[in-house]
């Protein structure tokens, strides 16, 4: 930290010249941020917009989830299970919303019910919570449809953030600029999917943030984010693509941080129909792909080659290096199955994550040498997803974060790989896996749960329910004037009270 540029107690506005961000003058204490994903659902708490609100430091949840699957106090200071299907939460005393209203059990109940009764509830809560009710100002009862051993962890999902009654419009939608949350920053203006302006919430229960104001712009184009950082238009950006790391690292005024994520890019295969319903062709495809080569080549070493879905960011995962590719054996196996005829397949992907199209091109080339005739379809994620889920495509290169909503793998395994999974990109169904997952509602011991998760991960590899390719990293960059940006593997914390000028 430079002499004279230390932040004052509780982050009061810096008065010394040269201690601010890139704007200078009156705006020297405004942090300028560019993030990739804009709000897409008018800030609906049942949508991914809820995670954006949390990442911007606006909202908080009753419980904080940790990477090891444990639940930590948040807006609730304690909880207990009173029956197999009812939990009670005691809220911390004296907390207020940015609107000035007190945080009550009634506000928490309304926030939870609003989401679980939404026509499209998030996967962490779907078919789990039946009803939430306030017993008094600080006591909340949450009833589940069936016994649920990890309800506290579910209430760490960003969708369950406790929202101020004043911010709820008559139609049930959220106005984020009306003191919606309890976090270190409050929204002062929101311009559709273009930008959000934030101001420090001086009533934050853990002490005011060290940044007075922030302007957050939504910039989906990676080059525009990087160019804006280099020119001084932005102080902080997220999701730096591999292709532009060198130029950012080559600038002495910029810094790049990276963190391993519980996120895996895989070649998901339609195991229910088409060529990949044949496990022999799935085996041949797996043998054809050089997963270590994808990391060293396309990702320039920024990632980890995958042999299982759960990677090094997940504390309980067991790491197995992928087997070396054997394109000769893969070609021979395909030829034996088809009598020497090529196998036409269509692979879908999306450009929302810049590395995916490049990974798809290399994978398609390797499969081509093994005897597959590959056609690539590239569309935005929102367009390609229905085509994958309908079974129209034979395969897809797709990235999934396994713990983004709940720091417990049950929701992801159920959604993505169970016979009735709502986001089963592989159209995979194995009674053995469903039997494993059926045990989880009664298991609260973390060690026993992780044993089930490990066995499930092994089973997916044995049955070739898709081909995990690489475990990903999150890379964010900032100007030298910025400090305190958290490297959060759960991708929940970004603008926190600790972000500050040096």
Protein backbone atom coordinates (compact mmCIF):
# COMPACT_ATOMS: atom_id res chain seq x y z
CA UNK A 1 0.00 0.00 0.00
CA UNK A 2 1.43 3.35 -1.03
CA UNK A 3 2.27 5.93 1.63
CA UNK A 4 -0.71 8.26 2.20
CA UNK A 5 -3.15 5.92 0.46
CA UNK A 6 -4.31 3.84 3.38
CA UNK A 7 -8.07 3.71 3.80
CA UNK A 8 -9.49 5.42 6.86
CA UNK A 9 -11.35 3.52 9.55
CA UNK A 10 -14.42 1.73 8.11
CA UNK A 11 -13.60 2.97 4.62
CA UNK A 12 -14.46 6.66 4.90
CA UNK A 13 -14.05 8.61 1.69
CA UNK A 14 -10.39 9.10 0.87
CA UNK A 15 -9.30 12.70 0.91
CA UNK A 16 -5.68 12.47 -0.13
CA UNK A 17 -4.87 13.21 -3.76
CA UNK A 18 -3.79 10.22 -5.80
CA UNK A 19 -5.52 7.69 -3.52
CA UNK A 20 -8.50 6.90 -5.73
CA UNK A 21 -9.33 4.94 -8.86
CA UNK A 22 -8.99 5.77 -12.53
CA UNK A 23 -11.67 8.45 -12.72
CA UNK A 24 -9.78 11.15 -10.82
CA UNK A 25 -11.30 14.37 -9.50
CA UNK A 26 -14.72 14.09 -7.90
CA UNK A 27 -15.05 10.48 -9.07
CA UNK A 28 -11.76 9.30 -7.61
CA UNK A 29 -13.58 7.19 -5.01
CA UNK A 30 -15.83 5.46 -7.57
CA UNK A 31 -14.79 1.93 -8.50
CA UNK A 32 -15.52 1.18 -12.17
CA UNK A 33 -16.33 -2.46 -12.81
CA UNK A 34 -17.16 -4.52 -15.90
CA UNK A 35 -18.83 -7.90 -15.48
CA UNK A 36 -19.82 -10.35 -18.15
CA UNK A 37 -23.35 -11.49 -17.45
CA UNK A 38 -26.14 -8.88 -17.31
CA UNK A 39 -29.48 -9.21 -15.53
CA UNK A 40 -31.78 -11.14 -17.86
CA UNK A 41 -34.94 -11.61 -15.82
CA UNK A 42 -35.74 -8.14 -14.45
CA UNK A 43 -33.95 -9.02 -11.19
CA UNK A 44 -36.26 -11.94 -10.44
CA UNK A 45 -35.02 -13.71 -7.27
CA UNK A 46 -35.95 -17.06 -8.84
CA UNK A 47 -33.50 -16.45 -11.71
CA UNK A 48 -29.73 -16.20 -12.09
CA UNK A 49 -30.14 -12.46 -11.50
CA UNK A 50 -30.19 -13.32 -7.79
CA UNK A 51 -26.58 -14.49 -7.99
CA UNK A 52 -25.63 -11.24 -9.71
CA UNK A 53 -27.20 -9.26 -6.85
CA UNK A 54 -25.17 -11.28 -4.38
CA UNK A 55 -21.92 -10.87 -6.34
CA UNK A 56 -22.45 -7.10 -6.38
CA UNK A 57 -22.63 -7.07 -2.59
CA UNK A 58 -26.30 -6.09 -2.46
CA UNK A 59 -28.03 -9.11 -0.93
CA UNK A 60 -27.33 -11.73 1.73
CA UNK A 61 -28.84 -15.06 2.70
CA UNK A 62 -29.86 -16.62 6.00
CA UNK A 63 -26.97 -19.09 5.79
CA UNK A 64 -23.50 -18.94 4.26
CA UNK A 65 -22.38 -22.10 2.50
CA UNK A 66 -18.73 -23.17 2.60
CA UNK A 67 -16.78 -25.16 0.00
CA UNK A 68 -16.59 -28.16 2.34
CA UNK A 69 -20.38 -28.42 2.36
CA UNK A 70 -20.91 -27.03 5.85
CA UNK A 71 -23.37 -24.26 6.71
CA UNK A 72 -22.26 -21.09 8.51
CA UNK A 73 -24.35 -18.31 10.10
CA UNK A 74 -25.50 -15.51 7.82
CA UNK A 75 -28.57 -13.42 8.55
CA UNK A 76 -29.61 -16.33 10.74
CA UNK A 77 -27.41 -16.76 13.81
CA UNK A 78 -28.55 -20.32 14.56
CA UNK A 79 -30.94 -23.08 13.50
CA UNK A 80 -32.23 -26.46 14.60
CA UNK A 81 -34.24 -29.31 13.15
CA UNK A 82 -37.39 -29.76 15.23
CA UNK A 83 -39.05 -32.53 13.19
CA UNK A 84 -37.92 -34.55 10.15
CA UNK A 85 -39.63 -31.95 7.91
CA UNK A 86 -39.33 -28.70 9.90
CA UNK A 87 -36.38 -26.47 10.70
CA UNK A 88 -36.37 -23.30 12.77
CA UNK A 89 -34.00 -20.40 12.21
CA UNK A 90 -33.23 -17.59 14.64
CA UNK A 91 -32.35 -14.34 12.90
CA UNK A 92 -29.53 -12.11 14.07
CA UNK A 93 -30.76 -9.20 16.14
CA UNK A 94 -30.77 -5.59 15.02
CA UNK A 95 -30.09 -6.06 11.29
CA UNK A 96 -31.70 -3.57 8.92
CA UNK A 97 -32.29 -3.48 5.20
CA UNK A 98 -30.78 -0.72 3.10
CA UNK A 99 -34.36 0.66 2.96
CA UNK A 100 -34.18 1.21 6.73
CA UNK A 101 -36.71 -1.50 7.53
CA UNK A 102 -35.81 -4.11 10.15
CA UNK A 103 -34.94 -7.60 8.94
CA UNK A 104 -37.72 -9.79 10.31
CA UNK A 105 -38.70 -13.43 10.09
CA UNK A 106 -41.76 -12.31 8.12
CA UNK A 107 -39.57 -10.68 5.46
CA UNK A 108 -37.46 -13.85 5.32
CA UNK A 109 -40.54 -16.06 4.99
CA UNK A 110 -41.96 -13.93 2.19
CA UNK A 111 -38.62 -13.98 0.36
CA UNK A 112 -38.41 -17.78 0.51
CA UNK A 113 -42.05 -18.37 -0.42
CA UNK A 114 -41.82 -15.97 -3.35
CA UNK A 115 -39.09 -18.13 -4.87
CA UNK A 116 -40.28 -21.64 -4.04
CA UNK A 117 -43.77 -20.88 -5.40
CA UNK A 118 -42.42 -19.30 -8.58
CA UNK A 119 -43.56 -21.09 -11.77
CA UNK A 120 -39.92 -21.95 -12.43
CA UNK A 121 -38.20 -22.33 -9.05
CA UNK A 122 -34.39 -22.71 -9.04
CA UNK A 123 -33.02 -26.24 -8.90
CA UNK A 124 -31.69 -25.88 -5.34
CA UNK A 125 -35.24 -25.39 -4.05
CA UNK A 126 -37.40 -27.25 -6.57
CA UNK A 127 -39.67 -29.82 -4.88
CA UNK A 128 -37.98 -29.29 -1.49
CA UNK A 129 -39.42 -26.41 0.55
CA UNK A 130 -43.16 -26.52 1.16
CA UNK A 131 -43.66 -23.32 3.14
CA UNK A 132 -41.86 -20.78 5.33
CA UNK A 133 -43.64 -19.00 8.19
CA UNK A 134 -42.68 -16.40 10.79
CA UNK A 135 -43.31 -17.56 14.36
CA UNK A 136 -42.25 -14.20 15.81
CA UNK A 137 -40.03 -11.31 14.72
CA UNK A 138 -36.83 -13.37 14.85
CA UNK A 139 -37.97 -16.99 14.52
CA UNK A 140 -38.58 -18.56 11.13
CA UNK A 141 -40.06 -22.02 10.54
CA UNK A 142 -39.32 -23.73 7.22
CA UNK A 143 -41.23 -26.89 6.33
CA UNK A 144 -40.04 -29.27 3.64
CA UNK A 145 -42.05 -31.63 1.45
CA UNK A 146 -39.90 -34.54 2.63
CA UNK A 147 -37.05 -34.97 5.11
CA UNK A 148 -34.13 -32.85 3.93
CA UNK A 149 -30.81 -33.17 5.73
CA UNK A 150 -29.26 -30.13 4.03
CA UNK A 151 -31.98 -27.50 4.22
CA UNK A 152 -29.58 -24.96 5.84
CA UNK A 153 -27.18 -25.37 2.91
CA UNK A 154 -30.07 -24.82 0.49
CA UNK A 155 -30.81 -21.52 2.21
CA UNK A 156 -27.34 -20.32 1.24
CA UNK A 157 -28.47 -20.21 -2.40
CA UNK A 158 -28.51 -16.66 -3.72
CA UNK A 159 -32.14 -17.11 -4.75
CA UNK A 160 -33.14 -17.24 -1.06
CA UNK A 161 -31.66 -13.82 -0.26
CA UNK A 162 -33.82 -11.92 2.22
CA UNK A 163 -35.32 -8.92 0.43
CA UNK A 164 -36.78 -5.71 1.86
CA UNK A 165 -40.58 -5.48 1.64
CA UNK A 166 -40.19 -1.92 0.30
CA UNK A 167 -38.37 -3.26 -2.75
CA UNK A 168 -41.17 -5.60 -3.80
CA UNK A 169 -43.47 -4.12 -6.44
CA UNK A 170 -47.22 -4.86 -6.43
CA UNK A 171 -46.73 -7.49 -9.14
CA UNK A 172 -44.14 -9.30 -7.01
CA UNK A 173 -41.08 -8.19 -9.00
CA UNK A 174 -38.08 -6.57 -7.34
CA UNK A 175 -36.93 -2.96 -7.57
CA UNK A 176 -33.25 -3.23 -6.57
CA UNK A 177 -32.94 0.55 -6.14
CA UNK A 178 -35.36 0.65 -3.20
CA UNK A 179 -32.98 -0.61 -0.53
CA UNK A 180 -33.52 -4.24 -1.52
CA UNK A 181 -30.78 -5.97 0.45
CA UNK A 182 -28.64 -6.05 3.57
CA UNK A 183 -25.17 -6.21 1.97
CA UNK A 184 -22.34 -3.66 1.97
CA UNK A 185 -23.59 -1.96 -1.23
CA UNK A 186 -27.01 -0.61 -2.14
CA UNK A 187 -28.28 0.03 -5.66
CA UNK A 188 -28.84 3.68 -6.50
CA UNK A 189 -29.67 3.19 -10.16
CA UNK A 190 -30.23 0.36 -12.62
CA UNK A 191 -30.34 0.89 -16.37
CA UNK A 192 -31.83 -2.30 -17.77
CA UNK A 193 -29.02 -4.61 -18.85
CA UNK A 194 -26.50 -1.79 -19.32
CA UNK A 195 -25.26 -0.69 -15.90
CA UNK A 196 -25.90 -0.50 -12.17
CA UNK A 197 -24.68 2.18 -9.80
CA UNK A 198 -23.90 1.28 -6.21
CA UNK A 199 -23.30 3.24 -3.04
CA UNK A 200 -21.76 2.12 0.22
CA UNK A 201 -24.39 1.09 2.78
CA UNK A 202 -23.09 2.68 5.96
CA UNK A 203 -25.51 0.64 8.07
CA UNK A 204 -23.96 -2.65 7.03
CA UNK A 205 -23.79 -4.95 10.06
CA UNK A 206 -20.11 -5.82 9.53
CA UNK A 207 -19.00 -2.20 9.08
CA UNK A 208 -19.10 0.01 6.00
CA UNK A 209 -17.29 -0.95 2.81
CA UNK A 210 -13.96 0.62 1.92
CA UNK A 211 -15.28 1.83 -1.43
CA UNK A 212 -17.73 4.74 -1.41
CA UNK A 213 -19.32 4.13 -4.81
CA UNK A 214 -19.15 1.70 -7.71
CA UNK A 215 -20.39 1.79 -11.26
CA UNK A 216 -20.92 -1.65 -12.74
CA UNK A 217 -21.31 -2.08 -16.47
CA UNK A 218 -22.41 -5.28 -18.16
CA UNK A 219 -19.99 -6.01 -20.98
CA UNK A 220 -20.44 -9.43 -22.56
CA UNK A 221 -17.65 -8.92 -25.11
CA UNK A 222 -14.39 -10.12 -23.51
CA UNK A 223 -12.17 -7.92 -25.69
CA UNK A 224 -14.16 -4.85 -24.71
CA UNK A 225 -13.69 -5.66 -21.03
CA UNK A 226 -9.95 -6.18 -21.40
CA UNK A 227 -9.48 -3.10 -23.59
CA UNK A 228 -11.47 -1.03 -21.10
CA UNK A 229 -9.26 -2.20 -18.26
CA UNK A 230 -6.08 -1.42 -20.16
CA UNK A 231 -7.29 2.04 -21.19
CA UNK A 232 -8.34 2.98 -17.66
CA UNK A 233 -12.07 2.91 -18.38
CA UNK A 234 -12.44 0.09 -15.83
CA UNK A 235 -10.67 -0.67 -12.57
CA UNK A 236 -11.85 -4.27 -12.25
CA UNK A 237 -13.19 -6.88 -14.68
CA UNK A 238 -14.24 -10.51 -14.42
CA UNK A 239 -13.76 -13.52 -16.72
CA UNK A 240 -10.51 -12.72 -18.51
CA UNK A 241 -10.25 -15.08 -21.50
CA UNK A 242 -7.13 -17.19 -21.94
CA UNK A 243 -6.45 -15.59 -25.31
CA UNK A 244 -5.93 -12.18 -23.68
CA UNK A 245 -4.06 -13.14 -20.55
CA UNK A 246 -0.66 -12.35 -22.01
CA UNK A 247 -1.49 -8.73 -22.82
CA UNK A 248 -3.00 -8.16 -19.37
CA UNK A 249 -0.05 -9.75 -17.60
CA UNK A 250 2.31 -7.76 -19.76
CA UNK A 251 0.94 -4.46 -18.45
CA UNK A 252 2.79 -3.42 -15.29
CA UNK A 253 -0.25 -1.46 -14.04
CA UNK A 254 -2.55 -4.50 -14.11
CA UNK A 255 -2.88 -7.63 -11.99
CA UNK A 256 -4.54 -10.99 -12.74
CA UNK A 257 -5.77 -13.44 -10.11
CA UNK A 258 -7.08 -16.94 -10.76
CA UNK A 259 -8.92 -19.51 -8.67
CA UNK A 260 -9.88 -23.10 -9.41
CA UNK A 261 -13.63 -23.49 -9.77
CA UNK A 262 -15.99 -26.38 -9.12
CA UNK A 263 -16.81 -26.00 -12.80
CA UNK A 264 -16.13 -28.56 -15.52
CA UNK A 265 -16.36 -28.31 -19.28
CA UNK A 266 -17.42 -31.64 -20.71
CA UNK A 267 -18.37 -33.21 -24.00
CA UNK A 268 -21.90 -34.18 -23.05
CA UNK A 269 -23.23 -37.10 -25.07
CA UNK A 270 -26.79 -38.08 -25.89
CA UNK A 271 -26.70 -41.51 -24.29
CA UNK A 272 -30.40 -42.19 -24.95
CA UNK A 273 -30.47 -41.95 -28.74
CA UNK A 274 -28.28 -41.60 -31.82
CA UNK A 275 -24.72 -42.91 -32.13
CA UNK A 276 -23.74 -42.33 -28.50
CA UNK A 277 -26.47 -44.60 -27.20
CA UNK A 278 -23.85 -47.25 -28.02
CA UNK A 279 -21.36 -47.30 -25.10
CA UNK A 280 -18.67 -48.62 -27.47
CA UNK A 281 -18.83 -45.40 -29.51
CA UNK A 282 -18.72 -43.38 -26.30
CA UNK A 283 -15.59 -45.31 -25.34
CA UNK A 284 -14.03 -44.66 -28.74
CA UNK A 285 -14.79 -40.93 -28.46
CA UNK A 286 -13.18 -40.80 -25.03
CA UNK A 287 -10.05 -42.56 -26.30
CA UNK A 288 -9.78 -40.12 -29.21
CA UNK A 289 -9.63 -36.94 -27.11
CA UNK A 290 -6.37 -35.60 -25.68
CA UNK A 291 -7.63 -33.87 -22.56
CA UNK A 292 -4.18 -32.87 -21.32
CA UNK A 293 -3.56 -31.42 -24.77
CA UNK A 294 -6.70 -29.30 -24.53
CA UNK A 295 -5.35 -27.69 -21.36
CA UNK A 296 -1.81 -27.13 -22.64
CA UNK A 297 -2.97 -26.01 -26.07
CA UNK A 298 -6.33 -24.27 -26.13
CA UNK A 299 -6.20 -23.14 -22.48
CA UNK A 300 -2.46 -22.39 -22.49
CA UNK A 301 -2.04 -24.29 -19.23
CA UNK A 302 -4.82 -22.38 -17.45
CA UNK A 303 -6.88 -25.27 -16.12
CA UNK A 304 -6.71 -28.95 -15.17
CA UNK A 305 -7.32 -31.93 -17.45
CA UNK A 306 -10.38 -33.86 -16.25
CA UNK A 307 -11.12 -37.53 -15.87
CA UNK A 308 -14.08 -37.07 -13.49
CA UNK A 309 -16.74 -34.38 -13.25
CA UNK A 310 -15.59 -33.09 -9.85
CA UNK A 311 -12.19 -31.43 -9.90
CA UNK A 312 -9.51 -30.00 -7.59
CA UNK A 313 -11.66 -27.13 -6.31
CA UNK A 314 -14.03 -29.61 -4.64
CA UNK A 315 -12.51 -30.58 -1.25
CA UNK A 316 -13.70 -34.19 -1.29
CA UNK A 317 -12.92 -35.02 -4.92
CA UNK A 318 -10.41 -37.73 -5.77
CA UNK A 319 -8.12 -36.74 -8.61
CA UNK A 320 -7.39 -39.28 -11.32
CA UNK A 321 -5.27 -38.10 -14.25
CA UNK A 322 -7.01 -38.83 -17.54
CA UNK A 323 -5.71 -41.75 -19.55
CA UNK A 324 -3.49 -40.88 -22.49
CA UNK A 325 -5.38 -40.60 -25.78
CA UNK A 326 -5.18 -43.53 -28.19
CA UNK A 327 -6.46 -42.28 -31.55
CA UNK A 328 -5.38 -45.46 -33.36
CA UNK A 329 -7.39 -47.66 -31.01
CA UNK A 330 -10.32 -45.22 -31.22
CA UNK A 331 -10.33 -45.37 -35.03
CA UNK A 332 -10.09 -49.17 -34.99
CA UNK A 333 -13.00 -49.44 -32.55
CA UNK A 334 -15.22 -47.17 -34.65
CA UNK A 335 -14.36 -49.10 -37.80
CA UNK A 336 -15.18 -52.43 -36.16
CA UNK A 337 -18.55 -51.13 -34.97
CA UNK A 338 -19.60 -49.55 -38.28
CA UNK A 339 -17.84 -51.78 -40.79
CA UNK A 340 -15.58 -48.90 -41.80
CA UNK A 341 -18.34 -46.34 -42.35
CA UNK A 342 -17.96 -42.87 -40.82
CA UNK A 343 -20.29 -41.89 -37.97
CA UNK A 344 -22.02 -38.53 -38.59
CA UNK A 345 -22.59 -36.50 -35.40
CA UNK A 346 -23.62 -32.94 -34.56
CA UNK A 347 -21.94 -31.15 -31.63
CA UNK A 348 -23.42 -27.98 -30.17
CA UNK A 349 -21.69 -25.28 -28.16
CA UNK A 350 -22.09 -21.61 -27.28
CA UNK A 351 -19.81 -18.54 -27.44
CA UNK A 352 -20.87 -17.05 -24.08
CA UNK A 353 -17.68 -18.58 -22.65
CA UNK A 354 -14.90 -17.62 -25.06
CA UNK A 355 -12.88 -20.84 -24.77
CA UNK A 356 -15.73 -23.20 -25.64
CA UNK A 357 -15.76 -22.73 -29.43
CA UNK A 358 -11.99 -23.30 -29.58
CA UNK A 359 -12.25 -26.41 -27.40
CA UNK A 360 -15.07 -27.69 -29.59
CA UNK A 361 -13.03 -27.22 -32.78
CA UNK A 362 -10.13 -29.26 -31.40
CA UNK A 363 -12.42 -31.99 -30.05
CA UNK A 364 -14.20 -32.19 -33.40
CA UNK A 365 -10.87 -32.57 -35.19
CA UNK A 366 -9.78 -35.39 -32.86
CA UNK A 367 -13.11 -37.18 -33.27
CA UNK A 368 -12.82 -36.74 -37.03
CA UNK A 369 -9.53 -38.62 -37.04
CA UNK A 370 -11.23 -41.44 -35.12
CA UNK A 371 -13.90 -41.96 -37.76
CA UNK A 372 -16.64 -39.49 -36.82
CA UNK A 373 -17.93 -36.93 -39.31
CA UNK A 374 -18.55 -33.87 -37.18
CA UNK A 375 -20.82 -30.89 -37.74
CA UNK A 376 -20.56 -28.03 -35.21
CA UNK A 377 -23.55 -25.88 -34.28
CA UNK A 378 -22.79 -22.70 -32.33
CA UNK A 379 -25.56 -20.63 -30.79
CA UNK A 380 -26.04 -18.56 -27.60
CA UNK A 381 -26.52 -20.70 -24.49
CA UNK A 382 -30.21 -19.87 -24.24
CA UNK A 383 -30.76 -21.15 -27.78
CA UNK A 384 -28.53 -24.22 -27.72
CA UNK A 385 -29.79 -25.58 -24.38
CA UNK A 386 -33.28 -26.57 -25.65
CA UNK A 387 -31.72 -28.34 -28.62
CA UNK A 388 -29.45 -30.36 -26.34
CA UNK A 389 -32.18 -31.21 -23.86
CA UNK A 390 -34.63 -32.22 -26.60
CA UNK A 391 -32.14 -34.78 -27.93
CA UNK A 392 -31.82 -33.00 -31.26
CA UNK A 393 -28.01 -32.87 -30.94
CA UNK A 394 -25.70 -35.83 -30.52
CA UNK A 395 -23.28 -34.02 -28.21
CA UNK A 396 -22.45 -30.65 -26.71
CA UNK A 397 -19.40 -28.95 -25.27
CA UNK A 398 -20.87 -27.29 -22.22
CA UNK A 399 -19.61 -25.79 -18.96
CA UNK A 400 -21.34 -26.50 -15.63
CA UNK A 401 -20.65 -25.22 -12.12
CA UNK A 402 -21.56 -28.05 -9.77
CA UNK A 403 -21.81 -26.04 -6.54
CA UNK A 404 -22.93 -22.56 -7.59
CA UNK A 405 -26.37 -22.73 -5.96
CA UNK A 406 -25.72 -25.10 -3.03
CA UNK A 407 -22.25 -26.16 -1.77
CA UNK A 408 -23.39 -29.77 -1.86
CA UNK A 409 -23.26 -32.02 -4.92
CA UNK A 410 -26.69 -33.63 -4.47
CA UNK A 411 -28.60 -30.95 -6.37
CA UNK A 412 -26.19 -31.03 -9.29
CA UNK A 413 -26.08 -34.83 -9.54
CA UNK A 414 -29.86 -35.04 -9.37
CA UNK A 415 -30.47 -32.27 -11.90
CA UNK A 416 -27.80 -33.30 -14.39
CA UNK A 417 -27.59 -37.10 -14.20
CA UNK A 418 -30.62 -38.69 -12.54
CA UNK A 419 -33.28 -40.36 -14.66
CA UNK A 420 -35.69 -37.48 -14.01
CA UNK A 421 -33.07 -34.74 -13.98
CA UNK A 422 -34.28 -31.40 -15.25
CA UNK A 423 -30.95 -30.46 -16.87
CA UNK A 424 -29.73 -33.86 -18.01
CA UNK A 425 -27.59 -32.87 -20.99
CA UNK A 426 -26.43 -36.47 -21.42
CA UNK A 427 -29.95 -37.97 -21.30
CA UNK A 428 -28.36 -40.39 -18.84
CA UNK A 429 -30.35 -42.82 -16.74
CA UNK A 430 -28.88 -45.47 -14.43
CA UNK A 431 -30.94 -47.05 -11.63
CA UNK A 432 -27.74 -47.56 -9.65
CA UNK A 433 -27.06 -43.83 -9.62
CA UNK A 434 -30.65 -43.00 -8.70
CA UNK A 435 -30.44 -45.47 -5.80
CA UNK A 436 -27.31 -43.73 -4.55
CA UNK A 437 -28.95 -40.31 -4.73
CA UNK A 438 -32.09 -41.60 -3.00
CA UNK A 439 -30.04 -42.16 0.17
CA UNK A 440 -29.00 -38.54 0.51
CA UNK A 441 -32.13 -36.95 2.06
CA UNK A 442 -31.54 -39.01 5.21
CA UNK A 443 -27.76 -38.47 5.40
CA UNK A 444 -26.57 -35.37 7.25
CA UNK A 445 -23.03 -36.50 8.11
CA UNK A 446 -20.65 -34.76 5.65
CA UNK A 447 -18.28 -37.75 5.47
CA UNK A 448 -21.08 -40.12 4.50
CA UNK A 449 -22.44 -37.68 1.94
CA UNK A 450 -19.05 -37.26 0.29
CA UNK A 451 -18.67 -41.04 0.08
CA UNK A 452 -21.89 -41.14 -1.94
CA UNK A 453 -20.68 -38.29 -4.14
CA UNK A 454 -17.38 -40.04 -4.87
CA UNK A 455 -19.13 -43.26 -5.82
CA UNK A 456 -21.51 -41.33 -8.08
CA UNK A 457 -18.60 -39.59 -9.80
CA UNK A 458 -16.88 -42.94 -10.38
CA UNK A 459 -20.08 -44.46 -11.74
CA UNK A 460 -20.49 -41.63 -14.25
CA UNK A 461 -16.95 -42.31 -15.46
CA UNK A 462 -17.52 -46.06 -15.67
CA UNK A 463 -20.73 -45.64 -17.71
CA UNK A 464 -19.22 -42.80 -19.80
CA UNK A 465 -22.05 -40.39 -19.01
CA UNK A 466 -20.35 -37.75 -21.10
CA UNK A 467 -16.63 -37.02 -21.24
CA UNK A 468 -15.26 -34.47 -18.74
CA UNK A 469 -12.64 -32.42 -20.57
CA UNK A 470 -11.19 -29.70 -18.32
CA UNK A 471 -11.69 -28.27 -14.84
CA UNK A 472 -11.90 -24.51 -15.16
CA UNK A 473 -10.49 -21.46 -13.46
CA UNK A 474 -12.00 -18.05 -12.87
CA UNK A 475 -9.67 -15.22 -13.81
CA UNK A 476 -10.31 -11.60 -12.93
CA UNK A 477 -8.09 -8.60 -13.49
CA UNK A 478 -7.77 -5.21 -11.89
CA UNK A 479 -5.65 -2.09 -11.90
CA UNK A 480 -2.81 -1.72 -9.42
CA UNK A 481 -4.94 0.82 -7.51
CA UNK A 482 -7.34 -1.92 -6.39
CA UNK A 483 -6.95 -4.44 -3.57
CA UNK A 484 -9.06 -6.90 -1.63
CA UNK A 485 -10.94 -8.61 -4.49
CA UNK A 486 -11.79 -12.11 -3.22
CA UNK A 487 -10.80 -15.24 -5.11
CA UNK A 488 -14.04 -17.10 -4.47
CA UNK A 489 -14.32 -20.61 -5.95
CA UNK A 490 -18.10 -20.51 -5.48
CA UNK A 491 -18.30 -17.35 -7.65
CA UNK A 492 -20.58 -15.66 -5.10
CA UNK A 493 -18.33 -12.99 -3.61
CA UNK A 494 -16.97 -10.29 -5.89
CA UNK A 495 -17.70 -6.79 -4.57
CA UNK A 496 -17.24 -7.13 -0.82
CA UNK A 497 -16.56 -4.62 1.94
CA UNK A 498 -12.85 -5.42 1.63
CA UNK A 499 -12.44 -4.21 -1.96
CA UNK A 500 -10.47 -0.98 -1.65
CA UNK A 501 -7.99 1.44 -3.20
CA UNK A 502 -4.43 0.70 -2.16
